[in-house]
Amino acid sequence: MHLSDKPQHNPNATHQTVGEEAIIINLVSGAYYSLNDTGTKFWELLDGQRTIADCARLIAAEYEVEAGVVEADLLELATDFKQEGLIVL
């Protein structure tokens, strides 16, 4: 994964947001995942139009942290999402 990638939800994944947490289900494997509020915000931003760097800037501004720290975390999370079949590029 790269900061310039523009991931989007895989059609084989569905999600439900409850409060500030999201539950994502891979409809193929049946596996489900729970995201904290930051992970949920990232998930909601994955529309295939924004880069991972764009998402990092938005989240960093909202939480008032350095974008560089957020970028590293989002790259790791996006890699996990891709490996689990939850996003596509």
N, C-alpha and C. Protein backbone atom coordinates (compact mmCIF):
# COMPACT_ATOMS: atom_id res chain seq x y z
N MET A 1 0.85 -1.18 0.00
CA MET A 1 0.00 0.00 0.00
C MET A 1 0.90 1.24 0.00
N HIS A 2 0.39 2.29 -0.64
CA HIS A 2 1.12 3.55 -0.73
C HIS A 2 0.18 4.70 -0.35
N LEU A 3 0.76 5.79 0.09
CA LEU A 3 -0.04 6.95 0.47
C LEU A 3 -0.87 7.49 -0.70
N SER A 4 -0.43 7.21 -1.92
CA SER A 4 -1.15 7.71 -3.10
C SER A 4 -2.28 6.78 -3.55
N ASP A 5 -2.40 5.59 -2.93
CA ASP A 5 -3.48 4.67 -3.28
C ASP A 5 -4.83 5.25 -2.90
N LYS A 6 -5.85 4.90 -3.68
CA LYS A 6 -7.21 5.37 -3.45
C LYS A 6 -8.13 4.16 -3.22
N PRO A 7 -8.06 3.57 -2.04
CA PRO A 7 -8.86 2.38 -1.78
C PRO A 7 -10.34 2.69 -1.60
N GLN A 8 -11.14 1.67 -1.83
CA GLN A 8 -12.57 1.77 -1.59
C GLN A 8 -13.06 0.44 -1.02
N HIS A 9 -14.24 0.47 -0.46
CA HIS A 9 -14.81 -0.75 0.14
C HIS A 9 -14.98 -1.82 -0.93
N ASN A 10 -14.67 -3.04 -0.57
CA ASN A 10 -14.91 -4.18 -1.43
C ASN A 10 -16.42 -4.45 -1.40
N PRO A 11 -17.06 -4.68 -2.55
CA PRO A 11 -18.49 -5.00 -2.54
C PRO A 11 -18.82 -6.24 -1.70
N ASN A 12 -17.81 -7.08 -1.42
CA ASN A 12 -18.02 -8.28 -0.60
C ASN A 12 -17.87 -8.00 0.89
N ALA A 13 -17.82 -6.71 1.26
CA ALA A 13 -17.73 -6.34 2.66
C ALA A 13 -18.88 -5.40 2.97
N THR A 14 -19.48 -5.59 4.12
CA THR A 14 -20.56 -4.71 4.56
C THR A 14 -20.20 -4.19 5.94
N HIS A 15 -20.82 -3.09 6.33
CA HIS A 15 -20.50 -2.54 7.64
C HIS A 15 -21.72 -1.88 8.27
N GLN A 16 -21.64 -1.74 9.55
CA GLN A 16 -22.66 -1.03 10.31
C GLN A 16 -21.92 -0.21 11.37
N THR A 17 -22.26 1.06 11.46
CA THR A 17 -21.66 1.92 12.47
C THR A 17 -22.63 2.08 13.62
N VAL A 18 -22.13 1.82 14.81
CA VAL A 18 -22.92 1.97 16.03
C VAL A 18 -22.15 2.91 16.95
N GLY A 19 -22.71 4.09 17.19
CA GLY A 19 -21.96 5.08 17.96
C GLY A 19 -20.76 5.52 17.16
N GLU A 20 -19.59 5.37 17.75
CA GLU A 20 -18.35 5.75 17.07
C GLU A 20 -17.55 4.53 16.61
N GLU A 21 -18.15 3.35 16.68
CA GLU A 21 -17.46 2.13 16.27
C GLU A 21 -18.16 1.49 15.09
N ALA A 22 -17.36 0.88 14.23
CA ALA A 22 -17.92 0.18 13.06
C ALA A 22 -17.64 -1.31 13.19
N ILE A 23 -18.59 -2.08 12.72
CA ILE A 23 -18.42 -3.52 12.58
C ILE A 23 -18.42 -3.79 11.09
N ILE A 24 -17.39 -4.47 10.61
CA ILE A 24 -17.26 -4.79 9.19
C ILE A 24 -17.32 -6.31 9.05
N ILE A 25 -18.10 -6.77 8.09
CA ILE A 25 -18.22 -8.21 7.85
C ILE A 25 -17.78 -8.51 6.42
N ASN A 26 -16.86 -9.46 6.29
CA ASN A 26 -16.46 -9.97 4.98
C ASN A 26 -17.51 -11.02 4.62
N LEU A 27 -18.32 -10.72 3.60
CA LEU A 27 -19.42 -11.60 3.23
C LEU A 27 -18.96 -12.92 2.62
N VAL A 28 -17.73 -12.98 2.17
CA VAL A 28 -17.20 -14.21 1.58
C VAL A 28 -16.70 -15.15 2.67
N SER A 29 -15.89 -14.63 3.58
CA SER A 29 -15.30 -15.47 4.62
C SER A 29 -16.16 -15.56 5.88
N GLY A 30 -17.05 -14.59 6.07
CA GLY A 30 -17.86 -14.55 7.28
C GLY A 30 -17.15 -13.93 8.46
N ALA A 31 -15.91 -13.54 8.27
CA ALA A 31 -15.15 -12.91 9.36
C ALA A 31 -15.67 -11.51 9.61
N TYR A 32 -15.62 -11.10 10.86
CA TYR A 32 -16.04 -9.74 11.18
C TYR A 32 -14.98 -9.03 11.99
N TYR A 33 -15.00 -7.70 11.90
CA TYR A 33 -13.97 -6.87 12.49
C TYR A 33 -14.63 -5.69 13.18
N SER A 34 -14.04 -5.25 14.26
CA SER A 34 -14.54 -4.10 15.01
C SER A 34 -13.49 -3.00 14.94
N LEU A 35 -13.92 -1.79 14.64
CA LEU A 35 -13.01 -0.65 14.54
C LEU A 35 -13.29 0.37 15.64
N ASN A 36 -12.23 0.97 16.16
CA ASN A 36 -12.41 2.07 17.10
C ASN A 36 -12.84 3.33 16.34
N ASP A 37 -12.97 4.45 17.03
CA ASP A 37 -13.47 5.65 16.38
C ASP A 37 -12.57 6.16 15.26
N THR A 38 -11.26 6.09 15.43
CA THR A 38 -10.34 6.52 14.37
C THR A 38 -10.41 5.60 13.16
N GLY A 39 -10.41 4.29 13.42
CA GLY A 39 -10.54 3.32 12.33
C GLY A 39 -11.85 3.47 11.60
N THR A 40 -12.92 3.77 12.35
CA THR A 40 -14.24 3.99 11.74
C THR A 40 -14.22 5.21 10.83
N LYS A 41 -13.59 6.28 11.29
CA LYS A 41 -13.49 7.49 10.46
C LYS A 41 -12.75 7.18 9.17
N PHE A 42 -11.65 6.44 9.27
CA PHE A 42 -10.89 6.05 8.08
C PHE A 42 -11.77 5.22 7.15
N TRP A 43 -12.46 4.24 7.69
CA TRP A 43 -13.34 3.38 6.89
C TRP A 43 -14.36 4.22 6.13
N GLU A 44 -14.95 5.20 6.81
CA GLU A 44 -15.97 6.05 6.20
C GLU A 44 -15.40 6.92 5.08
N LEU A 45 -14.11 7.22 5.14
CA LEU A 45 -13.47 8.06 4.12
C LEU A 45 -13.04 7.27 2.87
N LEU A 46 -13.03 5.96 2.95
CA LEU A 46 -12.55 5.13 1.83
C LEU A 46 -13.61 5.05 0.74
N ASP A 47 -13.53 5.99 -0.20
CA ASP A 47 -14.55 6.08 -1.25
C ASP A 47 -13.98 5.89 -2.66
N GLY A 48 -12.69 5.57 -2.76
CA GLY A 48 -12.07 5.41 -4.07
C GLY A 48 -11.67 6.72 -4.72
N GLN A 49 -12.00 7.83 -4.08
CA GLN A 49 -11.65 9.15 -4.59
C GLN A 49 -10.50 9.78 -3.80
N ARG A 50 -10.46 9.49 -2.52
CA ARG A 50 -9.43 10.06 -1.65
C ARG A 50 -8.24 9.10 -1.55
N THR A 51 -7.05 9.68 -1.50
CA THR A 51 -5.86 8.88 -1.24
C THR A 51 -5.76 8.61 0.26
N ILE A 52 -4.89 7.67 0.61
CA ILE A 52 -4.65 7.42 2.02
C ILE A 52 -4.06 8.67 2.66
N ALA A 53 -3.22 9.40 1.93
CA ALA A 53 -2.66 10.65 2.45
C ALA A 53 -3.77 11.68 2.70
N ASP A 54 -4.75 11.76 1.81
CA ASP A 54 -5.89 12.67 2.02
C ASP A 54 -6.62 12.32 3.31
N CYS A 55 -6.86 11.04 3.49
CA CYS A 55 -7.56 10.57 4.70
C CYS A 55 -6.75 10.91 5.94
N ALA A 56 -5.44 10.73 5.87
CA ALA A 56 -4.57 11.04 7.02
C ALA A 56 -4.65 12.51 7.37
N ARG A 57 -4.64 13.38 6.37
CA ARG A 57 -4.73 14.83 6.64
C ARG A 57 -6.05 15.18 7.31
N LEU A 58 -7.13 14.61 6.82
CA LEU A 58 -8.44 14.89 7.40
C LEU A 58 -8.53 14.40 8.85
N ILE A 59 -8.06 13.21 9.08
CA ILE A 59 -8.11 12.65 10.44
C ILE A 59 -7.17 13.41 11.37
N ALA A 60 -5.98 13.74 10.88
CA ALA A 60 -5.01 14.49 11.70
C ALA A 60 -5.59 15.84 12.11
N ALA A 61 -6.26 16.50 11.18
CA ALA A 61 -6.86 17.80 11.50
C ALA A 61 -7.97 17.65 12.54
N GLU A 62 -8.78 16.61 12.39
CA GLU A 62 -9.89 16.39 13.33
C GLU A 62 -9.40 16.09 14.74
N TYR A 63 -8.33 15.30 14.84
CA TYR A 63 -7.82 14.89 16.15
C TYR A 63 -6.65 15.75 16.63
N GLU A 64 -6.28 16.74 15.83
CA GLU A 64 -5.20 17.66 16.16
C GLU A 64 -3.89 16.95 16.48
N VAL A 65 -3.47 16.09 15.55
CA VAL A 65 -2.20 15.38 15.66
C VAL A 65 -1.42 15.57 14.36
N GLU A 66 -0.17 15.14 14.36
CA GLU A 66 0.68 15.24 13.18
C GLU A 66 0.23 14.27 12.09
N ALA A 67 0.14 14.75 10.88
CA ALA A 67 -0.30 13.91 9.76
C ALA A 67 0.65 12.74 9.54
N GLY A 68 1.94 12.93 9.76
CA GLY A 68 2.91 11.85 9.55
C GLY A 68 2.65 10.64 10.42
N VAL A 69 2.25 10.86 11.66
CA VAL A 69 1.94 9.76 12.57
C VAL A 69 0.69 9.03 12.08
N VAL A 70 -0.30 9.79 11.66
CA VAL A 70 -1.55 9.20 11.18
C VAL A 70 -1.30 8.42 9.89
N GLU A 71 -0.46 8.94 9.00
CA GLU A 71 -0.16 8.26 7.74
C GLU A 71 0.37 6.85 7.99
N ALA A 72 1.30 6.72 8.91
CA ALA A 72 1.89 5.40 9.18
C ALA A 72 0.82 4.44 9.70
N ASP A 73 -0.03 4.92 10.60
CA ASP A 73 -1.09 4.07 11.15
C ASP A 73 -2.09 3.67 10.08
N LEU A 74 -2.47 4.62 9.22
CA LEU A 74 -3.45 4.31 8.18
C LEU A 74 -2.89 3.37 7.12
N LEU A 75 -1.62 3.52 6.81
CA LEU A 75 -1.00 2.58 5.86
C LEU A 75 -1.05 1.15 6.41
N GLU A 76 -0.77 1.01 7.69
CA GLU A 76 -0.82 -0.31 8.32
C GLU A 76 -2.25 -0.85 8.32
N LEU A 77 -3.21 0.00 8.66
CA LEU A 77 -4.61 -0.42 8.69
C LEU A 77 -5.11 -0.76 7.29
N ALA A 78 -4.75 0.05 6.30
CA ALA A 78 -5.16 -0.21 4.92
C ALA A 78 -4.57 -1.54 4.42
N THR A 79 -3.34 -1.82 4.79
CA THR A 79 -2.72 -3.09 4.42
C THR A 79 -3.49 -4.25 5.03
N ASP A 80 -3.87 -4.11 6.29
CA ASP A 80 -4.67 -5.14 6.94
C ASP A 80 -6.03 -5.31 6.24
N PHE A 81 -6.68 -4.18 5.93
CA PHE A 81 -7.97 -4.23 5.23
C PHE A 81 -7.83 -4.98 3.91
N LYS A 82 -6.77 -4.67 3.16
CA LYS A 82 -6.57 -5.30 1.86
C LYS A 82 -6.32 -6.80 2.01
N GLN A 83 -5.48 -7.18 2.97
CA GLN A 83 -5.19 -8.60 3.19
C GLN A 83 -6.44 -9.37 3.60
N GLU A 84 -7.35 -8.72 4.30
CA GLU A 84 -8.59 -9.37 4.75
C GLU A 84 -9.69 -9.30 3.69
N GLY A 85 -9.41 -8.67 2.55
CA GLY A 85 -10.38 -8.60 1.47
C GLY A 85 -11.49 -7.58 1.70
N LEU A 86 -11.22 -6.57 2.53
CA LEU A 86 -12.25 -5.58 2.86
C LEU A 86 -12.22 -4.37 1.94
N ILE A 87 -11.08 -4.12 1.29
CA ILE A 87 -10.97 -2.99 0.36
C ILE A 87 -10.35 -3.45 -0.95
N VAL A 88 -10.57 -2.65 -1.97
CA VAL A 88 -9.93 -2.84 -3.28
C VAL A 88 -9.36 -1.51 -3.73
N LEU A 89 -8.42 -1.56 -4.64
CA LEU A 89 -7.82 -0.32 -5.16
C LEU A 89 -8.44 0.03 -6.49
